[in-house]
């Protein structure tokens, strides 16, 4: 358990930050054409580059402590949130948007009261993908710098050729990832109920 907590806590922190930041950026790009033109091409460009190649740079920028693992977890898991939410906000039923315009709703009211609830399924799908990517980001970071965590334990087991310890570590990773995924599925269901999509 001493190795589970560091991995799970950093992965959860990275996922939460990535979700909030990705949601903010998607809403900003949906509200402002200038922001979309300035940010979206760069986001797509970063998405094209294999993200695993950025891991050593995060160590150089943020050091060898948990900050680099947290930063990389955010970096690797934020893209599904941004891309999916941007698509969901853009694909809102045009008739609903026209109805808002006819009722003289402001652009901000339309964004938060119509586009955001309509895009919830996109957000939920992205969050389920993002939480698994956050786990991957933390494990990659632990392979490089950490002296604790399940990724570090896997490296130790590999060095000692302890297959049983390696498989046990992978199994615990599966349990942690499944727990996070199940929690997101339940929370997203409650969110849909709250917004009236169920």
Protein backbone atom coordinates (compact mmCIF):
# COMPACT_ATOMS: atom_id res chain seq x y z
CA UNK A 1 0.00 0.00 0.00
CA UNK A 2 2.94 2.36 0.54
CA UNK A 3 3.53 2.31 -3.23
CA UNK A 4 -0.14 2.49 -4.21
CA UNK A 5 -0.89 5.81 -2.49
CA UNK A 6 1.80 7.91 -4.28
CA UNK A 7 0.73 6.60 -7.69
CA UNK A 8 -3.00 6.96 -7.06
CA UNK A 9 -2.78 10.41 -5.47
CA UNK A 10 -0.66 11.94 -8.24
CA UNK A 11 -2.81 10.32 -10.95
CA UNK A 12 -5.99 11.62 -9.33
CA UNK A 13 -4.51 15.10 -8.92
CA UNK A 14 -3.37 15.16 -12.54
CA UNK A 15 -6.78 14.00 -13.74
CA UNK A 16 -8.66 16.64 -11.73
CA UNK A 17 -6.38 19.45 -12.90
CA UNK A 18 -6.55 18.24 -16.52
CA UNK A 19 -10.36 18.06 -16.38
CA UNK A 20 -10.80 21.55 -14.92
CA UNK A 21 -8.18 23.16 -17.15
CA UNK A 22 -9.35 21.32 -20.27
CA UNK A 23 -12.96 22.27 -19.57
CA UNK A 24 -11.98 25.91 -19.09
CA UNK A 25 -10.02 25.98 -22.36
CA UNK A 26 -12.84 24.30 -24.29
CA UNK A 27 -15.41 26.77 -22.94
CA UNK A 28 -13.07 29.66 -23.69
CA UNK A 29 -12.54 28.51 -27.29
CA UNK A 30 -16.26 28.01 -27.75
CA UNK A 31 -17.02 31.50 -26.42
CA UNK A 32 -14.22 33.38 -28.19
CA UNK A 33 -13.32 32.91 -31.86
CA UNK A 34 -10.00 34.65 -31.24
CA UNK A 35 -9.11 32.21 -28.44
CA UNK A 36 -10.03 29.25 -30.64
CA UNK A 37 -7.90 30.47 -33.55
CA UNK A 38 -4.99 31.13 -31.21
CA UNK A 39 -5.13 27.94 -29.12
CA UNK A 40 -6.70 25.14 -31.14
CA UNK A 41 -3.97 24.74 -33.81
CA UNK A 42 -1.32 24.57 -31.07
CA UNK A 43 -3.33 21.99 -29.12
CA UNK A 44 -3.68 19.82 -32.21
CA UNK A 45 0.02 20.23 -32.92
CA UNK A 46 0.96 19.03 -29.44
CA UNK A 47 -1.45 16.12 -29.88
CA UNK A 48 0.34 14.96 -33.04
CA UNK A 49 3.74 14.70 -31.32
CA UNK A 50 4.14 11.42 -29.34
CA UNK A 51 3.54 12.68 -25.81
CA UNK A 52 5.87 10.13 -24.25
CA UNK A 53 8.76 12.04 -25.82
CA UNK A 54 7.97 15.04 -23.61
CA UNK A 55 8.52 13.15 -20.34
CA UNK A 56 12.26 13.93 -19.96
CA UNK A 57 11.54 17.62 -20.55
CA UNK A 58 9.12 17.68 -17.63
CA UNK A 59 11.90 16.32 -15.45
CA UNK A 60 14.18 19.13 -16.61
CA UNK A 61 11.50 21.77 -16.10
CA UNK A 62 9.93 20.59 -12.84
CA UNK A 63 12.62 18.48 -11.18
CA UNK A 64 12.65 14.89 -9.98
CA UNK A 65 9.96 15.18 -7.33
CA UNK A 66 6.23 14.58 -7.72
CA UNK A 67 5.73 17.89 -9.56
CA UNK A 68 7.18 16.49 -12.78
CA UNK A 69 4.95 13.40 -12.59
CA UNK A 70 1.92 15.55 -11.84
CA UNK A 71 2.73 17.90 -14.70
CA UNK A 72 3.19 15.07 -17.16
CA UNK A 73 -0.04 13.41 -15.99
CA UNK A 74 -1.89 16.67 -16.67
CA UNK A 75 -0.18 17.09 -20.03
CA UNK A 76 -0.95 13.59 -21.24
CA UNK A 77 -4.56 13.51 -20.01
CA UNK A 78 -5.80 17.00 -20.91
CA UNK A 79 -6.08 16.51 -24.67
CA UNK A 80 -9.17 14.23 -24.67
CA UNK A 81 -11.00 16.74 -22.47
CA UNK A 82 -10.20 19.69 -24.73
CA UNK A 83 -10.85 17.92 -28.04
CA UNK A 84 -14.06 16.15 -26.98
CA UNK A 85 -15.56 19.15 -25.19
CA UNK A 86 -14.75 21.45 -28.09
CA UNK A 87 -16.54 19.02 -30.42
CA UNK A 88 -19.49 18.70 -28.05
CA UNK A 89 -19.91 22.46 -27.65
CA UNK A 90 -19.64 22.96 -31.39
CA UNK A 91 -22.14 20.19 -32.25
CA UNK A 92 -24.99 21.53 -30.13
CA UNK A 93 -28.37 21.23 -31.84
CA UNK A 94 -28.64 24.36 -34.05
CA UNK A 95 -32.36 24.65 -33.35
CA UNK A 96 -31.63 25.09 -29.63
CA UNK A 97 -29.10 27.81 -30.38
CA UNK A 98 -31.60 29.58 -32.65
CA UNK A 99 -34.21 29.34 -29.92
CA UNK A 100 -31.82 31.01 -27.49
CA UNK A 101 -31.16 33.77 -30.02
CA UNK A 102 -34.88 34.33 -30.48
CA UNK A 103 -35.27 34.63 -26.71
CA UNK A 104 -32.46 37.24 -26.68
CA UNK A 105 -30.19 35.07 -24.56
CA UNK A 106 -26.61 36.27 -24.32
CA UNK A 107 -23.77 34.27 -25.78
CA UNK A 108 -22.61 33.39 -22.29
CA UNK A 109 -26.08 32.21 -21.25
CA UNK A 110 -26.32 30.04 -24.36
CA UNK A 111 -22.90 28.58 -23.63
CA UNK A 112 -23.59 27.57 -20.04
CA UNK A 113 -27.33 26.82 -20.17
CA UNK A 114 -27.53 25.05 -23.55
CA UNK A 115 -24.19 24.14 -25.07
CA UNK A 116 -22.58 22.85 -21.88
CA UNK A 117 -25.44 20.49 -20.83
CA UNK A 118 -25.73 19.29 -24.43
CA UNK A 119 -22.01 18.41 -24.51
CA UNK A 120 -22.03 16.40 -21.25
CA UNK A 121 -21.86 13.01 -23.04
CA UNK A 122 -18.69 14.21 -24.76
CA UNK A 123 -17.22 15.29 -21.43
CA UNK A 124 -18.07 11.98 -19.78
CA UNK A 125 -16.44 9.95 -22.54
CA UNK A 126 -13.37 12.17 -22.41
CA UNK A 127 -13.09 11.88 -18.62
CA UNK A 128 -13.14 8.09 -18.79
CA UNK A 129 -10.29 8.19 -21.28
CA UNK A 130 -8.46 10.94 -19.43
CA UNK A 131 -8.31 9.12 -16.09
CA UNK A 132 -6.58 6.14 -17.70
CA UNK A 133 -4.12 8.44 -19.47
CA UNK A 134 -3.35 10.14 -16.16
CA UNK A 135 -2.38 6.75 -14.74
CA UNK A 136 -0.12 6.16 -17.73
CA UNK A 137 1.49 9.56 -17.29
CA UNK A 138 2.28 8.90 -13.63
CA UNK A 139 3.72 5.45 -14.34
CA UNK A 140 5.97 6.86 -17.08
CA UNK A 141 7.13 9.56 -14.67
CA UNK A 142 7.83 6.95 -11.99
CA UNK A 143 9.89 4.95 -14.46
CA UNK A 144 12.13 8.01 -14.93
CA UNK A 145 12.47 9.72 -11.57
CA UNK A 146 10.51 8.23 -8.69
CA UNK A 147 11.73 6.25 -5.69
CA UNK A 148 8.20 5.24 -4.76
CA UNK A 149 5.00 4.19 -6.47
CA UNK A 150 3.89 1.22 -8.51
CA UNK A 151 5.98 2.25 -11.53
CA UNK A 152 9.10 2.31 -9.38
CA UNK A 153 8.13 -1.07 -7.91
CA UNK A 154 7.80 -2.53 -11.40
CA UNK A 155 11.31 -1.33 -12.25
CA UNK A 156 12.69 -2.84 -9.04
CA UNK A 157 10.95 -6.14 -9.77
CA UNK A 158 12.31 -6.10 -13.32
CA UNK A 159 15.85 -5.48 -12.07
CA UNK A 160 15.61 -8.41 -9.68
CA UNK A 161 13.76 -10.59 -12.23
CA UNK A 162 10.89 -10.97 -9.76
CA UNK A 163 8.05 -11.76 -12.13
CA UNK A 164 5.56 -12.31 -9.31
CA UNK A 165 6.17 -8.83 -7.86
CA UNK A 166 5.96 -7.29 -11.32
CA UNK A 167 2.65 -8.98 -12.08
CA UNK A 168 1.30 -8.05 -8.64
CA UNK A 169 2.19 -4.40 -9.28
CA UNK A 170 0.46 -4.48 -12.65
CA UNK A 171 -2.59 -6.07 -11.02
CA UNK A 172 -2.75 -3.31 -8.42
CA UNK A 173 -2.48 -0.77 -11.23
CA UNK A 174 -5.50 -2.40 -12.86
CA UNK A 175 -7.44 -2.21 -9.59
CA UNK A 176 -6.61 1.47 -9.09
CA UNK A 177 -7.50 2.31 -12.68
CA UNK A 178 -10.76 0.35 -12.46
CA UNK A 179 -11.68 2.12 -9.22
CA UNK A 180 -11.10 5.54 -10.78
CA UNK A 181 -13.00 4.57 -13.93
CA UNK A 182 -15.97 3.28 -11.92
CA UNK A 183 -16.02 6.41 -9.78
CA UNK A 184 -16.02 8.61 -12.89
CA UNK A 185 -18.83 6.54 -14.43
CA UNK A 186 -20.97 6.91 -11.30
CA UNK A 187 -20.21 10.63 -10.87
CA UNK A 188 -20.92 11.33 -14.53
CA UNK A 189 -24.26 9.52 -14.26
CA UNK A 190 -25.23 11.72 -11.30
CA UNK A 191 -24.11 14.77 -13.28
CA UNK A 192 -26.32 13.81 -16.19
CA UNK A 193 -29.26 13.31 -13.83
CA UNK A 194 -28.62 16.74 -12.30
CA UNK A 195 -28.61 18.40 -15.72
CA UNK A 196 -31.71 16.48 -16.78
CA UNK A 197 -30.11 14.31 -19.45
CA UNK A 198 -31.38 11.10 -17.80
